[in-house]
């Protein structure tokens, strides 16, 4: 099925599934849709493990990562990571 959404996302079917479970993300992606990992509660080191596992499962197919990155939060003035700092730590292939 070809349409603008499929062309834009590089998928075969206009199916998008958001999940906190890496298995669901990989399954939807491997079924030619777009699996999206809800990663708002993942620690950065755990997120790296999850993304590496998904990469191994989907063999180059596109998938998404949903991050909640507020520009400012309590403690960010005290040297905590902010959205810009976190974004620089994501691999280039995982940035939009």
C-alpha atoms as a PDB file:
ATOM      1  CA  UNK A   1       0.000   0.000   0.000  1.00  0.00           C
ATOM      2  CA  UNK A   2       1.593   3.272  -1.048  1.00  0.00           C
ATOM      3  CA  UNK A   3       0.629   6.636   0.367  1.00  0.00           C
ATOM      4  CA  UNK A   4       2.400   9.745   1.662  1.00  0.00           C
ATOM      5  CA  UNK A   5       2.727   8.398   5.206  1.00  0.00           C
ATOM      6  CA  UNK A   6       4.351   5.173   4.027  1.00  0.00           C
ATOM      7  CA  UNK A   7       6.690   7.075   1.726  1.00  0.00           C
ATOM      8  CA  UNK A   8       7.620   9.550   4.462  1.00  0.00           C
ATOM      9  CA  UNK A   9       8.340   6.871   7.076  1.00  0.00           C
ATOM     10  CA  UNK A  10       9.831   4.260   4.745  1.00  0.00           C
ATOM     11  CA  UNK A  11       7.249   1.600   5.678  1.00  0.00           C
ATOM     12  CA  UNK A  12       4.969  -0.648   3.632  1.00  0.00           C
ATOM     13  CA  UNK A  13       1.743  -0.323   5.637  1.00  0.00           C
ATOM     14  CA  UNK A  14       0.293   2.733   7.446  1.00  0.00           C
ATOM     15  CA  UNK A  15       0.391   0.999  10.829  1.00  0.00           C
ATOM     16  CA  UNK A  16       2.040   2.842  13.726  1.00  0.00           C
ATOM     17  CA  UNK A  17       2.226   1.298  17.200  1.00  0.00           C
ATOM     18  CA  UNK A  18       3.572   3.015  20.303  1.00  0.00           C
ATOM     19  CA  UNK A  19       4.715   0.669  23.056  1.00  0.00           C
ATOM     20  CA  UNK A  20       7.038   0.603  26.039  1.00  0.00           C
ATOM     21  CA  UNK A  21       7.817  -3.018  25.139  1.00  0.00           C
ATOM     22  CA  UNK A  22      10.718  -3.539  22.762  1.00  0.00           C
ATOM     23  CA  UNK A  23       9.219  -6.835  21.571  1.00  0.00           C
ATOM     24  CA  UNK A  24       6.084  -5.069  20.318  1.00  0.00           C
ATOM     25  CA  UNK A  25       8.161  -2.380  18.603  1.00  0.00           C
ATOM     26  CA  UNK A  26      10.236  -5.006  16.790  1.00  0.00           C
ATOM     27  CA  UNK A  27       7.184  -7.095  15.845  1.00  0.00           C
ATOM     28  CA  UNK A  28       5.294  -4.149  14.326  1.00  0.00           C
ATOM     29  CA  UNK A  29       8.403  -2.952  12.520  1.00  0.00           C
ATOM     30  CA  UNK A  30       9.063  -6.434  11.135  1.00  0.00           C
ATOM     31  CA  UNK A  31       5.434  -6.568   9.961  1.00  0.00           C
ATOM     32  CA  UNK A  32       6.285  -3.554   7.750  1.00  0.00           C
ATOM     33  CA  UNK A  33       4.669  -0.945   9.988  1.00  0.00           C
ATOM     34  CA  UNK A  34       6.358   1.544  12.286  1.00  0.00           C
ATOM     35  CA  UNK A  35       6.979   0.441  15.850  1.00  0.00           C
ATOM     36  CA  UNK A  36       7.709   3.296  18.244  1.00  0.00           C
ATOM     37  CA  UNK A  37       9.409   2.745  21.591  1.00  0.00           C
ATOM     38  CA  UNK A  38       7.970   4.898  24.370  1.00  0.00           C
ATOM     39  CA  UNK A  39      11.231   5.678  26.132  1.00  0.00           C
ATOM     40  CA  UNK A  40      10.264   8.501  28.471  1.00  0.00           C
ATOM     41  CA  UNK A  41      10.984   6.461  31.596  1.00  0.00           C
ATOM     42  CA  UNK A  42      14.118   4.650  30.393  1.00  0.00           C
ATOM     43  CA  UNK A  43      17.469   5.597  31.892  1.00  0.00           C
ATOM     44  CA  UNK A  44      19.984   6.494  29.184  1.00  0.00           C
ATOM     45  CA  UNK A  45      22.103   3.377  29.704  1.00  0.00           C
ATOM     46  CA  UNK A  46      18.999   1.163  29.581  1.00  0.00           C
ATOM     47  CA  UNK A  47      17.728   2.982  26.489  1.00  0.00           C
ATOM     48  CA  UNK A  48      20.981   2.178  24.708  1.00  0.00           C
ATOM     49  CA  UNK A  49      20.503  -1.529  25.512  1.00  0.00           C
ATOM     50  CA  UNK A  50      16.885  -1.468  24.301  1.00  0.00           C
ATOM     51  CA  UNK A  51      17.741   0.334  21.054  1.00  0.00           C
ATOM     52  CA  UNK A  52      20.617  -2.042  20.327  1.00  0.00           C
ATOM     53  CA  UNK A  53      18.295  -5.010  20.833  1.00  0.00           C
ATOM     54  CA  UNK A  54      15.657  -3.510  18.528  1.00  0.00           C
ATOM     55  CA  UNK A  55      18.332  -2.766  15.892  1.00  0.00           C
ATOM     56  CA  UNK A  56      19.376  -6.423  15.923  1.00  0.00           C
ATOM     57  CA  UNK A  57      15.776  -7.588  15.518  1.00  0.00           C
ATOM     58  CA  UNK A  58      14.574  -5.246  12.744  1.00  0.00           C
ATOM     59  CA  UNK A  59      17.573  -5.587  10.389  1.00  0.00           C
ATOM     60  CA  UNK A  60      17.602  -1.972   9.207  1.00  0.00           C
ATOM     61  CA  UNK A  61      13.858  -1.352   9.049  1.00  0.00           C
ATOM     62  CA  UNK A  62      12.824   2.062  10.383  1.00  0.00           C
ATOM     63  CA  UNK A  63      11.322   2.448  13.847  1.00  0.00           C
ATOM     64  CA  UNK A  64      10.761   5.371  16.184  1.00  0.00           C
ATOM     65  CA  UNK A  65      11.622   6.433  19.714  1.00  0.00           C
ATOM     66  CA  UNK A  66       9.264   8.658  21.665  1.00  0.00           C
ATOM     67  CA  UNK A  67      11.168  10.747  24.204  1.00  0.00           C
ATOM     68  CA  UNK A  68       9.770  13.304  26.612  1.00  0.00           C
ATOM     69  CA  UNK A  69      12.448  15.962  26.737  1.00  0.00           C
ATOM     70  CA  UNK A  70      11.325  19.103  28.540  1.00  0.00           C
ATOM     71  CA  UNK A  71      13.449  22.149  27.847  1.00  0.00           C
ATOM     72  CA  UNK A  72      13.692  22.792  31.591  1.00  0.00           C
ATOM     73  CA  UNK A  73      12.926  20.769  34.702  1.00  0.00           C
ATOM     74  CA  UNK A  74      13.609  20.917  38.427  1.00  0.00           C
ATOM     75  CA  UNK A  75      17.338  20.523  38.947  1.00  0.00           C
ATOM     76  CA  UNK A  76      18.384  21.299  35.372  1.00  0.00           C
ATOM     77  CA  UNK A  77      19.953  24.578  36.538  1.00  0.00           C
ATOM     78  CA  UNK A  78      22.231  22.554  38.813  1.00  0.00           C
ATOM     79  CA  UNK A  79      24.051  20.733  36.040  1.00  0.00           C
ATOM     80  CA  UNK A  80      21.435  18.070  35.278  1.00  0.00           C
ATOM     81  CA  UNK A  81      20.875  16.896  31.718  1.00  0.00           C
ATOM     82  CA  UNK A  82      18.502  18.996  29.659  1.00  0.00           C
ATOM     83  CA  UNK A  83      16.838  18.178  26.346  1.00  0.00           C
ATOM     84  CA  UNK A  84      19.755  19.463  24.254  1.00  0.00           C
ATOM     85  CA  UNK A  85      22.320  17.480  26.272  1.00  0.00           C
ATOM     86  CA  UNK A  86      20.295  14.281  26.040  1.00  0.00           C
ATOM     87  CA  UNK A  87      19.735  14.704  22.303  1.00  0.00           C
ATOM     88  CA  UNK A  88      23.493  14.892  21.674  1.00  0.00           C
ATOM     89  CA  UNK A  89      23.916  11.477  23.326  1.00  0.00           C
ATOM     90  CA  UNK A  90      21.464   9.750  20.960  1.00  0.00           C
ATOM     91  CA  UNK A  91      23.010   7.989  17.950  1.00  0.00           C
ATOM     92  CA  UNK A  92      22.577  10.001  14.734  1.00  0.00           C
ATOM     93  CA  UNK A  93      20.423   7.289  13.156  1.00  0.00           C
ATOM     94  CA  UNK A  94      17.923   7.668  16.025  1.00  0.00           C
ATOM     95  CA  UNK A  95      17.437  11.416  15.622  1.00  0.00           C
ATOM     96  CA  UNK A  96      14.728  12.910  13.438  1.00  0.00           C
END
